């Protein structure tokens, strides 16, 4: 849809430039509408990439580390049950997205082993 908006806005602006010799009023209107469309396109792109309401996807590196740690934990505690506590440092040392990456990779790896382990996360103060 954004590509269609870009093509339509550029098309209107080009048509406005081409009609400038015949009718200046229509030309100015088409150029203004084309420019407003381009400004709208830029605003959509900024909202989508810079001010995205969604959080970033989990990092593959963090997921790989937590998956390996969870597999080691499964091997050490095979057949047992209990709670696994992930201790995260203070917020100024680790951001929320990194913590979420670790938690999201740790959980599925714990569910697929022979041990019945539950995951809990805690923050150090």
Foldseek 3Di string as FASTA:
>chain_A
DLVVLLVQLVVLLVVLVVCCVPDVVSSVVSNVSSVVSVVVSVVVVCCVPPVDPDDDDADPVLLVVLLVVLLVVLVVQAQEEEEDEAEDEDCVVPPPSSVVNNVVNNVVSNVPGRYHYHYHYDYDD
